[in-house]
Amino acid sequence: MSQGEAGGSAQAKFRALTRAWRKRKRKVFAVVTVVCGSIFIFSWIAAHVWPFWTFMFGLWAGASMCFWMTARTSPPAWIEQWQQGAFGEQATGKQLKELEREGWVVLHDLPRGDGNVDHVLIGPGGVFVLDTKRIDGRVIVEDGIVTVRRIDDPELRYEHRGTGHLLRLASETHHRVLAASRINVWVTPVMVWWADFPQRVISGRCTHVQGEDLVQWLRDRPAQLAPSRLEQVANAVRTAWPSLAAERSAPDAWAIAVEWSYTLMAGRPVAGRSS
């Protein structure tokens, strides 16, 4: 059973930020529209006046439209990260559909103050809080410290600090469930990496798992919850983390165009958001 939409909050944030960015840069886009539109109209007229050069003028028209679309669908990198984060959460959600068919309860995109909880799972192996990261780099976990190295220059690296946040989410989930239902259940924090993660699985206070290995790792967990108790615990978690009730605004045509452009460039989600 599934509840919520994987990546919904990140997708909505990306759309809102992209609209705000276009509004802030509307004068620039107006100039770009005039220039590109003029080139397109000139090329169309010229192709009829000088048909011998139709191919060349067609290239001009196509290039002007491509430039215009690129300008409209290329927000700053810090805004793009929200789209990349949504891709990562959606990739994790797709993996978890296999477990839903096996009777696991999967909750996506649960509200928490100004942020959200990416995924909460309830199954025979217990309760799991998942945080998804889509990273362009190589992820190394040593002694609980996560280091991300840039693929093109391994000397360029930084420490990823998302583990502490995930541990707090797991602890908060435990206390919320206990307060709401008096059910004392262990909550396992899991960081899901869509990245170059050669270690594949690293256990510890927080478990780190390569996205493609997530489902099998969850299936291999020792049984913690009897089938008769599974729904009781799932209801307790639902009570502790109520569904996201706020309605999100419908995407505009340009937001859809941006999403398509990133989907075409990225191919399929393979890494996690840097946050």
C-alpha atoms as a PDB file:
ATOM      1  CA  MET A   1       0.000   0.000   0.000  1.00  0.00           C
ATOM      2  CA  SER A   2       1.317   3.424  -0.934  1.00  0.00           C
ATOM      3  CA  GLN A   3       0.478   6.906   0.289  1.00  0.00           C
ATOM      4  CA  GLY A   4       1.694  10.238  -1.059  1.00  0.00           C
ATOM      5  CA  GLU A   5       3.727  11.073  -4.152  1.00  0.00           C
ATOM      6  CA  ALA A   6       7.459  10.417  -4.236  1.00  0.00           C
ATOM      7  CA  GLY A   7       9.326  13.652  -4.905  1.00  0.00           C
ATOM      8  CA  GLY A   8       6.153  15.740  -4.799  1.00  0.00           C
ATOM      9  CA  SER A   9       7.476  18.458  -2.479  1.00  0.00           C
ATOM     10  CA  ALA A  10      10.778  18.807  -4.328  1.00  0.00           C
ATOM     11  CA  GLN A  11       8.951  18.985  -7.662  1.00  0.00           C
ATOM     12  CA  ALA A  12       6.562  21.652  -6.366  1.00  0.00           C
ATOM     13  CA  LYS A  13       9.461  23.663  -4.935  1.00  0.00           C
ATOM     14  CA  PHE A  14      11.299  23.473  -8.254  1.00  0.00           C
ATOM     15  CA  ARG A  15       8.250  24.760 -10.136  1.00  0.00           C
ATOM     16  CA  ALA A  16       7.702  27.622  -7.703  1.00  0.00           C
ATOM     17  CA  LEU A  17      11.358  28.689  -7.760  1.00  0.00           C
ATOM     18  CA  THR A  18      11.498  28.468 -11.557  1.00  0.00           C
ATOM     19  CA  ARG A  19       8.431  30.682 -11.895  1.00  0.00           C
ATOM     20  CA  ALA A  20       9.918  33.214  -9.447  1.00  0.00           C
ATOM     21  CA  TRP A  21      13.247  33.186 -11.323  1.00  0.00           C
ATOM     22  CA  ARG A  22      11.539  33.818 -14.676  1.00  0.00           C
ATOM     23  CA  LYS A  23       9.543  36.663 -13.157  1.00  0.00           C
ATOM     24  CA  ARG A  24      12.701  38.226 -11.702  1.00  0.00           C
ATOM     25  CA  LYS A  25      14.441  37.944 -15.095  1.00  0.00           C
ATOM     26  CA  ARG A  26      11.436  38.931 -17.208  1.00  0.00           C
ATOM     27  CA  LYS A  27      13.223  41.918 -18.807  1.00  0.00           C
ATOM     28  CA  VAL A  28      16.064  39.679 -19.946  1.00  0.00           C
ATOM     29  CA  PHE A  29      13.600  37.133 -21.321  1.00  0.00           C
ATOM     30  CA  ALA A  30      11.696  39.908 -23.111  1.00  0.00           C
ATOM     31  CA  VAL A  31      14.884  40.938 -24.937  1.00  0.00           C
ATOM     32  CA  VAL A  32      15.719  37.319 -25.759  1.00  0.00           C
ATOM     33  CA  THR A  33      12.175  36.790 -27.070  1.00  0.00           C
ATOM     34  CA  VAL A  34      12.359  39.863 -29.317  1.00  0.00           C
ATOM     35  CA  VAL A  35      15.774  38.924 -30.726  1.00  0.00           C
ATOM     36  CA  CYS A  36      14.972  35.251 -31.282  1.00  0.00           C
ATOM     37  CA  GLY A  37      11.515  36.062 -32.648  1.00  0.00           C
ATOM     38  CA  SER A  38      12.995  38.573 -35.097  1.00  0.00           C
ATOM     39  CA  ILE A  39      15.520  36.032 -36.356  1.00  0.00           C
ATOM     40  CA  PHE A  40      12.790  33.428 -36.753  1.00  0.00           C
ATOM     41  CA  ILE A  41      10.482  35.771 -38.702  1.00  0.00           C
ATOM     42  CA  PHE A  42      13.341  37.033 -40.884  1.00  0.00           C
ATOM     43  CA  SER A  43      14.397  33.453 -41.661  1.00  0.00           C
ATOM     44  CA  TRP A  44      10.850  32.453 -42.576  1.00  0.00           C
ATOM     45  CA  ILE A  45      10.440  35.433 -44.939  1.00  0.00           C
ATOM     46  CA  ALA A  46      13.930  35.051 -46.419  1.00  0.00           C
ATOM     47  CA  ALA A  47      13.334  31.363 -47.136  1.00  0.00           C
ATOM     48  CA  HIS A  48      10.386  32.352 -49.350  1.00  0.00           C
ATOM     49  CA  VAL A  49      12.263  35.185 -51.055  1.00  0.00           C
ATOM     50  CA  TRP A  50      15.431  33.155 -51.685  1.00  0.00           C
ATOM     51  CA  PRO A  51      14.282  29.513 -51.826  1.00  0.00           C
ATOM     52  CA  PHE A  52      17.772  28.370 -52.837  1.00  0.00           C
ATOM     53  CA  TRP A  53      18.905  29.196 -49.264  1.00  0.00           C
ATOM     54  CA  THR A  54      15.907  27.599 -47.544  1.00  0.00           C
ATOM     55  CA  PHE A  55      18.043  25.063 -45.678  1.00  0.00           C
ATOM     56  CA  MET A  56      20.359  27.730 -44.242  1.00  0.00           C
ATOM     57  CA  PHE A  57      17.468  29.955 -43.171  1.00  0.00           C
ATOM     58  CA  GLY A  58      15.800  26.920 -41.621  1.00  0.00           C
ATOM     59  CA  LEU A  59      18.922  26.361 -39.524  1.00  0.00           C
ATOM     60  CA  TRP A  60      18.795  29.976 -38.366  1.00  0.00           C
ATOM     61  CA  ALA A  61      15.141  29.663 -37.386  1.00  0.00           C
ATOM     62  CA  GLY A  62      15.742  26.399 -35.539  1.00  0.00           C
ATOM     63  CA  ALA A  63      18.796  27.759 -33.730  1.00  0.00           C
ATOM     64  CA  SER A  64      16.902  30.850 -32.574  1.00  0.00           C
ATOM     65  CA  MET A  65      14.070  28.754 -31.163  1.00  0.00           C
ATOM     66  CA  CYS A  66      16.507  26.351 -29.461  1.00  0.00           C
ATOM     67  CA  PHE A  67      18.321  29.278 -27.844  1.00  0.00           C
ATOM     68  CA  TRP A  68      15.016  30.745 -26.667  1.00  0.00           C
ATOM     69  CA  MET A  69      13.885  27.443 -25.149  1.00  0.00           C
ATOM     70  CA  THR A  70      17.268  26.880 -23.506  1.00  0.00           C
ATOM     71  CA  ALA A  71      17.200  30.333 -21.931  1.00  0.00           C
ATOM     72  CA  ARG A  72      13.706  29.723 -20.545  1.00  0.00           C
ATOM     73  CA  THR A  73      14.444  26.255 -19.192  1.00  0.00           C
ATOM     74  CA  SER A  74      17.877  26.782 -17.609  1.00  0.00           C
ATOM     75  CA  PRO A  75      17.442  28.144 -14.071  1.00  0.00           C
ATOM     76  CA  PRO A  76      20.460  28.540 -11.750  1.00  0.00           C
ATOM     77  CA  ALA A  77      22.118  25.393 -10.390  1.00  0.00           C
ATOM     78  CA  TRP A  78      20.683  25.857  -6.905  1.00  0.00           C
ATOM     79  CA  ILE A  79      17.173  25.712  -8.390  1.00  0.00           C
ATOM     80  CA  GLU A  80      18.071  22.749 -10.600  1.00  0.00           C
ATOM     81  CA  GLN A  81      19.024  20.816  -7.460  1.00  0.00           C
ATOM     82  CA  TRP A  82      15.353  20.646  -6.478  1.00  0.00           C
ATOM     83  CA  GLN A  83      14.523  18.984  -9.794  1.00  0.00           C
ATOM     84  CA  GLN A  84      17.426  16.576  -9.381  1.00  0.00           C
ATOM     85  CA  GLY A  85      16.237  15.802  -5.853  1.00  0.00           C
ATOM     86  CA  ALA A  86      12.749  15.037  -7.162  1.00  0.00           C
ATOM     87  CA  PHE A  87      14.261  12.695  -9.765  1.00  0.00           C
ATOM     88  CA  GLY A  88      16.089  10.834  -6.995  1.00  0.00           C
ATOM     89  CA  GLU A  89      12.991  10.469  -4.822  1.00  0.00           C
ATOM     90  CA  GLN A  90      10.969   9.297  -7.826  1.00  0.00           C
ATOM     91  CA  ALA A  91      13.629   6.687  -8.606  1.00  0.00           C
ATOM     92  CA  THR A  92      13.432   5.404  -5.036  1.00  0.00           C
ATOM     93  CA  GLY A  93       9.634   5.398  -5.200  1.00  0.00           C
ATOM     94  CA  LYS A  94       9.778   3.289  -8.350  1.00  0.00           C
ATOM     95  CA  GLN A  95      12.005   0.744  -6.609  1.00  0.00           C
ATOM     96  CA  LEU A  96       9.665   0.551  -3.619  1.00  0.00           C
ATOM     97  CA  LYS A  97       6.676  -0.404  -5.783  1.00  0.00           C
ATOM     98  CA  GLU A  98       8.018  -3.972  -5.736  1.00  0.00           C
ATOM     99  CA  LEU A  99       7.670  -4.055  -1.954  1.00  0.00           C
ATOM    100  CA  GLU A 100       4.179  -2.534  -2.090  1.00  0.00           C
ATOM    101  CA  ARG A 101       3.071  -5.516  -4.172  1.00  0.00           C
ATOM    102  CA  GLU A 102       4.437  -7.760  -1.404  1.00  0.00           C
ATOM    103  CA  GLY A 103       2.346  -6.062   1.278  1.00  0.00           C
ATOM    104  CA  TRP A 104       4.746  -3.420   2.577  1.00  0.00           C
ATOM    105  CA  VAL A 105       3.265  -0.037   3.475  1.00  0.00           C
ATOM    106  CA  VAL A 106       5.096   2.859   1.802  1.00  0.00           C
ATOM    107  CA  LEU A 107       4.516   6.498   2.756  1.00  0.00           C
ATOM    108  CA  HIS A 108       6.027   9.207   0.556  1.00  0.00           C
ATOM    109  CA  ASP A 109       6.712  12.906   1.040  1.00  0.00           C
ATOM    110  CA  LEU A 110       5.467  13.391   4.595  1.00  0.00           C
ATOM    111  CA  PRO A 111       5.388  17.001   5.857  1.00  0.00           C
ATOM    112  CA  ARG A 112       7.770  18.129   8.590  1.00  0.00           C
ATOM    113  CA  GLY A 113       7.851  21.856   9.296  1.00  0.00           C
ATOM    114  CA  ASP A 114       9.413  23.598   6.313  1.00  0.00           C
ATOM    115  CA  GLY A 115      10.732  20.297   4.943  1.00  0.00           C
ATOM    116  CA  ASN A 116       9.566  16.742   4.460  1.00  0.00           C
ATOM    117  CA  VAL A 117      10.357  13.094   5.089  1.00  0.00           C
ATOM    118  CA  ASP A 118      11.150  11.430   1.751  1.00  0.00           C
ATOM    119  CA  HIS A 119       9.869   7.916   2.514  1.00  0.00           C
ATOM    120  CA  VAL A 120       8.723   5.809   5.484  1.00  0.00           C
ATOM    121  CA  LEU A 121       8.393   2.031   5.059  1.00  0.00           C
ATOM    122  CA  ILE A 122       6.653  -0.509   7.258  1.00  0.00           C
ATOM    123  CA  GLY A 123       7.217  -4.176   6.513  1.00  0.00           C
ATOM    124  CA  PRO A 124       8.275  -7.492   8.043  1.00  0.00           C
ATOM    125  CA  GLY A 125      11.779  -6.086   8.583  1.00  0.00           C
ATOM    126  CA  GLY A 126      10.455  -3.220  10.719  1.00  0.00           C
ATOM    127  CA  VAL A 127      10.056   0.514  10.208  1.00  0.00           C
ATOM    128  CA  PHE A 128      12.495   2.409   7.982  1.00  0.00           C
ATOM    129  CA  VAL A 129      12.958   6.113   7.331  1.00  0.00           C
ATOM    130  CA  LEU A 130      14.567   6.726   3.936  1.00  0.00           C
ATOM    131  CA  ASP A 131      16.303   9.843   2.684  1.00  0.00           C
ATOM    132  CA  THR A 132      17.223   9.912  -1.006  1.00  0.00           C
ATOM    133  CA  LYS A 133      20.263  11.701  -2.414  1.00  0.00           C
ATOM    134  CA  ARG A 134      21.046  12.158  -6.098  1.00  0.00           C
ATOM    135  CA  ILE A 135      24.703  13.162  -6.351  1.00  0.00           C
ATOM    136  CA  ASP A 136      26.981  13.851  -9.304  1.00  0.00           C
ATOM    137  CA  GLY A 137      30.133  12.367  -7.814  1.00  0.00           C
ATOM    138  CA  ARG A 138      31.634   9.321  -6.098  1.00  0.00           C
ATOM    139  CA  VAL A 139      30.339   8.644  -2.597  1.00  0.00           C
ATOM    140  CA  ILE A 140      32.649   7.103   0.021  1.00  0.00           C
ATOM    141  CA  VAL A 141      31.539   6.256   3.576  1.00  0.00           C
ATOM    142  CA  GLU A 142      34.277   5.771   6.184  1.00  0.00           C
ATOM    143  CA  ASP A 143      33.695   5.697   9.958  1.00  0.00           C
ATOM    144  CA  GLY A 144      30.254   7.206   9.464  1.00  0.00           C
ATOM    145  CA  ILE A 145      31.614  10.180   7.500  1.00  0.00           C
ATOM    146  CA  VAL A 146      30.302  10.636   3.952  1.00  0.00           C
ATOM    147  CA  THR A 147      32.722  12.121   1.435  1.00  0.00           C
ATOM    148  CA  VAL A 148      31.739  13.049  -2.114  1.00  0.00           C
ATOM    149  CA  ARG A 149      34.533  13.210  -4.691  1.00  0.00           C
ATOM    150  CA  ARG A 150      34.090  14.852  -8.052  1.00  0.00           C
ATOM    151  CA  ILE A 151      34.338  12.349 -10.900  1.00  0.00           C
ATOM    152  CA  ASP A 152      36.545  14.538 -13.095  1.00  0.00           C
ATOM    153  CA  ASP A 153      38.938  15.509 -10.285  1.00  0.00           C
ATOM    154  CA  PRO A 154      39.023  13.226  -7.205  1.00  0.00           C
ATOM    155  CA  GLU A 155      41.048  15.877  -5.366  1.00  0.00           C
ATOM    156  CA  LEU A 156      37.909  18.027  -5.303  1.00  0.00           C
ATOM    157  CA  ARG A 157      35.802  16.674  -2.476  1.00  0.00           C
ATOM    158  CA  TYR A 158      33.422  17.708   0.255  1.00  0.00           C
ATOM    159  CA  GLU A 159      31.824  16.170   3.322  1.00  0.00           C
ATOM    160  CA  HIS A 160      28.124  15.406   2.973  1.00  0.00           C
ATOM    161  CA  ARG A 161      26.329  16.162   6.252  1.00  0.00           C
ATOM    162  CA  GLY A 162      22.922  14.620   5.602  1.00  0.00           C
ATOM    163  CA  THR A 163      23.450  11.657   7.942  1.00  0.00           C
ATOM    164  CA  GLY A 164      22.830  13.632  11.136  1.00  0.00           C
ATOM    165  CA  HIS A 165      19.549  14.953   9.770  1.00  0.00           C
ATOM    166  CA  LEU A 166      18.416  11.425   8.890  1.00  0.00           C
ATOM    167  CA  LEU A 167      19.297  10.101  12.358  1.00  0.00           C
ATOM    168  CA  ARG A 168      17.177  12.860  13.873  1.00  0.00           C
ATOM    169  CA  LEU A 169      14.281  11.961  11.558  1.00  0.00           C
ATOM    170  CA  ALA A 170      14.440   8.309  12.649  1.00  0.00           C
ATOM    171  CA  SER A 171      14.506   9.301  16.318  1.00  0.00           C
ATOM    172  CA  GLU A 172      11.636  11.741  15.805  1.00  0.00           C
ATOM    173  CA  THR A 173       9.591   9.067  14.024  1.00  0.00           C
ATOM    174  CA  HIS A 174      10.164   6.669  16.926  1.00  0.00           C
ATOM    175  CA  HIS A 175       9.017   9.244  19.493  1.00  0.00           C
ATOM    176  CA  ARG A 176       6.041  10.339  17.378  1.00  0.00           C
ATOM    177  CA  VAL A 177       4.817   6.736  17.041  1.00  0.00           C
ATOM    178  CA  LEU A 178       5.346   6.110  20.751  1.00  0.00           C
ATOM    179  CA  ALA A 179       3.437   9.261  21.718  1.00  0.00           C
ATOM    180  CA  ALA A 180       0.582   8.596  19.281  1.00  0.00           C
ATOM    181  CA  SER A 181       0.043   4.894  19.922  1.00  0.00           C
ATOM    182  CA  ARG A 182       2.251   3.683  22.797  1.00  0.00           C
ATOM    183  CA  ILE A 183       3.885   1.321  20.306  1.00  0.00           C
ATOM    184  CA  ASN A 184       7.620   1.118  20.954  1.00  0.00           C
ATOM    185  CA  VAL A 185       9.182   0.209  17.599  1.00  0.00           C
ATOM    186  CA  TRP A 186      12.752   0.599  16.388  1.00  0.00           C
ATOM    187  CA  VAL A 187      13.098   2.901  13.367  1.00  0.00           C
ATOM    188  CA  THR A 188      16.024   2.276  11.027  1.00  0.00           C
ATOM    189  CA  PRO A 189      17.496   5.267   9.148  1.00  0.00           C
ATOM    190  CA  VAL A 190      18.557   4.502   5.561  1.00  0.00           C
ATOM    191  CA  MET A 191      20.325   6.840   3.145  1.00  0.00           C
ATOM    192  CA  VAL A 192      19.574   5.866  -0.456  1.00  0.00           C
ATOM    193  CA  TRP A 193      22.244   6.930  -2.943  1.00  0.00           C
ATOM    194  CA  TRP A 194      21.642   7.452  -6.640  1.00  0.00           C
ATOM    195  CA  ALA A 195      25.302   8.048  -7.368  1.00  0.00           C
ATOM    196  CA  ASP A 196      28.609   6.331  -8.009  1.00  0.00           C
ATOM    197  CA  PHE A 197      28.670   4.410  -4.713  1.00  0.00           C
ATOM    198  CA  PRO A 198      31.180   1.537  -5.092  1.00  0.00           C
ATOM    199  CA  GLN A 199      30.694   0.275  -1.522  1.00  0.00           C
ATOM    200  CA  ARG A 200      27.036  -0.510  -2.383  1.00  0.00           C
ATOM    201  CA  VAL A 201      25.936  -1.098   1.244  1.00  0.00           C
ATOM    202  CA  ILE A 202      27.449   0.267   4.466  1.00  0.00           C
ATOM    203  CA  SER A 203      25.837  -0.584   7.792  1.00  0.00           C
ATOM    204  CA  GLY A 204      26.063   1.485  10.954  1.00  0.00           C
ATOM    205  CA  ARG A 205      23.946   3.888  12.981  1.00  0.00           C
ATOM    206  CA  CYS A 206      22.735   5.015   9.572  1.00  0.00           C
ATOM    207  CA  THR A 207      22.733   2.497   6.731  1.00  0.00           C
ATOM    208  CA  HIS A 208      23.869   3.673   3.298  1.00  0.00           C
ATOM    209  CA  VAL A 209      22.523   1.748   0.282  1.00  0.00           C
ATOM    210  CA  GLN A 210      22.966   2.066  -3.470  1.00  0.00           C
ATOM    211  CA  GLY A 211      19.548   2.726  -5.028  1.00  0.00           C
ATOM    212  CA  GLU A 212      19.544  -0.382  -7.222  1.00  0.00           C
ATOM    213  CA  ASP A 213      20.292  -2.578  -4.173  1.00  0.00           C
ATOM    214  CA  LEU A 214      17.642  -1.082  -1.891  1.00  0.00           C
ATOM    215  CA  VAL A 215      14.799  -3.546  -2.430  1.00  0.00           C
ATOM    216  CA  GLN A 216      16.939  -6.652  -1.962  1.00  0.00           C
ATOM    217  CA  TRP A 217      18.565  -5.169   1.151  1.00  0.00           C
ATOM    218  CA  LEU A 218      15.133  -4.495   2.662  1.00  0.00           C
ATOM    219  CA  ARG A 219      13.921  -7.996   1.822  1.00  0.00           C
ATOM    220  CA  ASP A 220      16.969  -9.487   3.541  1.00  0.00           C
ATOM    221  CA  ARG A 221      16.269  -7.760   6.882  1.00  0.00           C
ATOM    222  CA  PRO A 222      15.415 -10.172   9.723  1.00  0.00           C
ATOM    223  CA  ALA A 223      11.715 -10.310  10.538  1.00  0.00           C
ATOM    224  CA  GLN A 224      10.763  -7.826  13.257  1.00  0.00           C
ATOM    225  CA  LEU A 225       7.011  -7.467  12.815  1.00  0.00           C
ATOM    226  CA  ALA A 226       4.507 -10.316  12.677  1.00  0.00           C
ATOM    227  CA  PRO A 227       2.030 -10.095   9.778  1.00  0.00           C
ATOM    228  CA  SER A 228      -0.812  -9.646  12.279  1.00  0.00           C
ATOM    229  CA  ARG A 229       0.922  -6.579  13.757  1.00  0.00           C
ATOM    230  CA  LEU A 230       1.983  -4.967  10.499  1.00  0.00           C
ATOM    231  CA  GLU A 231      -1.193  -2.965   9.887  1.00  0.00           C
ATOM    232  CA  GLN A 232      -1.331  -1.834  13.522  1.00  0.00           C
ATOM    233  CA  VAL A 233       2.184  -0.393  13.287  1.00  0.00           C
ATOM    234  CA  ALA A 234       1.426   1.122   9.863  1.00  0.00           C
ATOM    235  CA  ASN A 235      -1.618   2.914  11.287  1.00  0.00           C
ATOM    236  CA  ALA A 236       0.497   4.204  14.164  1.00  0.00           C
ATOM    237  CA  VAL A 237       3.040   5.614  11.718  1.00  0.00           C
ATOM    238  CA  ARG A 238       0.275   7.220   9.639  1.00  0.00           C
ATOM    239  CA  THR A 239      -1.050   8.877  12.783  1.00  0.00           C
ATOM    240  CA  ALA A 240       2.431  10.055  13.742  1.00  0.00           C
ATOM    241  CA  TRP A 241       3.142  11.449  10.249  1.00  0.00           C
ATOM    242  CA  PRO A 242      -0.159  12.766   8.803  1.00  0.00           C
ATOM    243  CA  SER A 243      -0.471  13.051   5.043  1.00  0.00           C
ATOM    244  CA  LEU A 244       0.443  16.228   3.242  1.00  0.00           C
ATOM    245  CA  ALA A 245      -2.903  18.021   3.043  1.00  0.00           C
ATOM    246  CA  ALA A 246      -1.917  21.280   1.364  1.00  0.00           C
ATOM    247  CA  GLU A 247      -2.880  21.318  -2.286  1.00  0.00           C
ATOM    248  CA  ARG A 248      -0.086  22.006  -4.697  1.00  0.00           C
ATOM    249  CA  SER A 249      -0.652  24.344  -7.598  1.00  0.00           C
ATOM    250  CA  ALA A 250      -1.051  22.741 -11.008  1.00  0.00           C
ATOM    251  CA  PRO A 251       2.093  22.883 -13.147  1.00  0.00           C
ATOM    252  CA  ASP A 252       2.138  25.490 -15.882  1.00  0.00           C
ATOM    253  CA  ALA A 253       3.192  24.715 -19.454  1.00  0.00           C
ATOM    254  CA  TRP A 254       6.687  26.089 -18.922  1.00  0.00           C
ATOM    255  CA  ALA A 255       7.231  24.004 -15.784  1.00  0.00           C
ATOM    256  CA  ILE A 256       6.347  20.906 -17.794  1.00  0.00           C
ATOM    257  CA  ALA A 257       8.772  21.989 -20.535  1.00  0.00           C
ATOM    258  CA  VAL A 258      11.537  22.394 -17.953  1.00  0.00           C
ATOM    259  CA  GLU A 259      10.868  18.936 -16.519  1.00  0.00           C
ATOM    260  CA  TRP A 260      10.948  17.390 -19.992  1.00  0.00           C
ATOM    261  CA  SER A 261      14.216  19.142 -20.820  1.00  0.00           C
ATOM    262  CA  TYR A 262      15.881  17.789 -17.672  1.00  0.00           C
ATOM    263  CA  THR A 263      14.432  14.335 -18.251  1.00  0.00           C
ATOM    264  CA  LEU A 264      15.856  14.259 -21.783  1.00  0.00           C
ATOM    265  CA  MET A 265      19.265  15.519 -20.624  1.00  0.00           C
ATOM    266  CA  ALA A 266      19.453  13.199 -17.606  1.00  0.00           C
ATOM    267  CA  GLY A 267      18.131  10.116 -19.357  1.00  0.00           C
ATOM    268  CA  ARG A 268      16.993   8.437 -16.148  1.00  0.00           C
ATOM    269  CA  PRO A 269      17.587   9.304 -12.506  1.00  0.00           C
ATOM    270  CA  VAL A 270      20.987   7.958 -11.462  1.00  0.00           C
ATOM    271  CA  ALA A 271      22.166  10.229  -8.665  1.00  0.00           C
ATOM    272  CA  GLY A 272      20.965  12.322  -5.651  1.00  0.00           C
ATOM    273  CA  ARG A 273      20.478  15.976  -4.757  1.00  0.00           C
ATOM    274  CA  SER A 274      23.360  17.721  -3.071  1.00  0.00           C
ATOM    275  CA  SER A 275      21.786  18.987   0.100  1.00  0.00           C
END
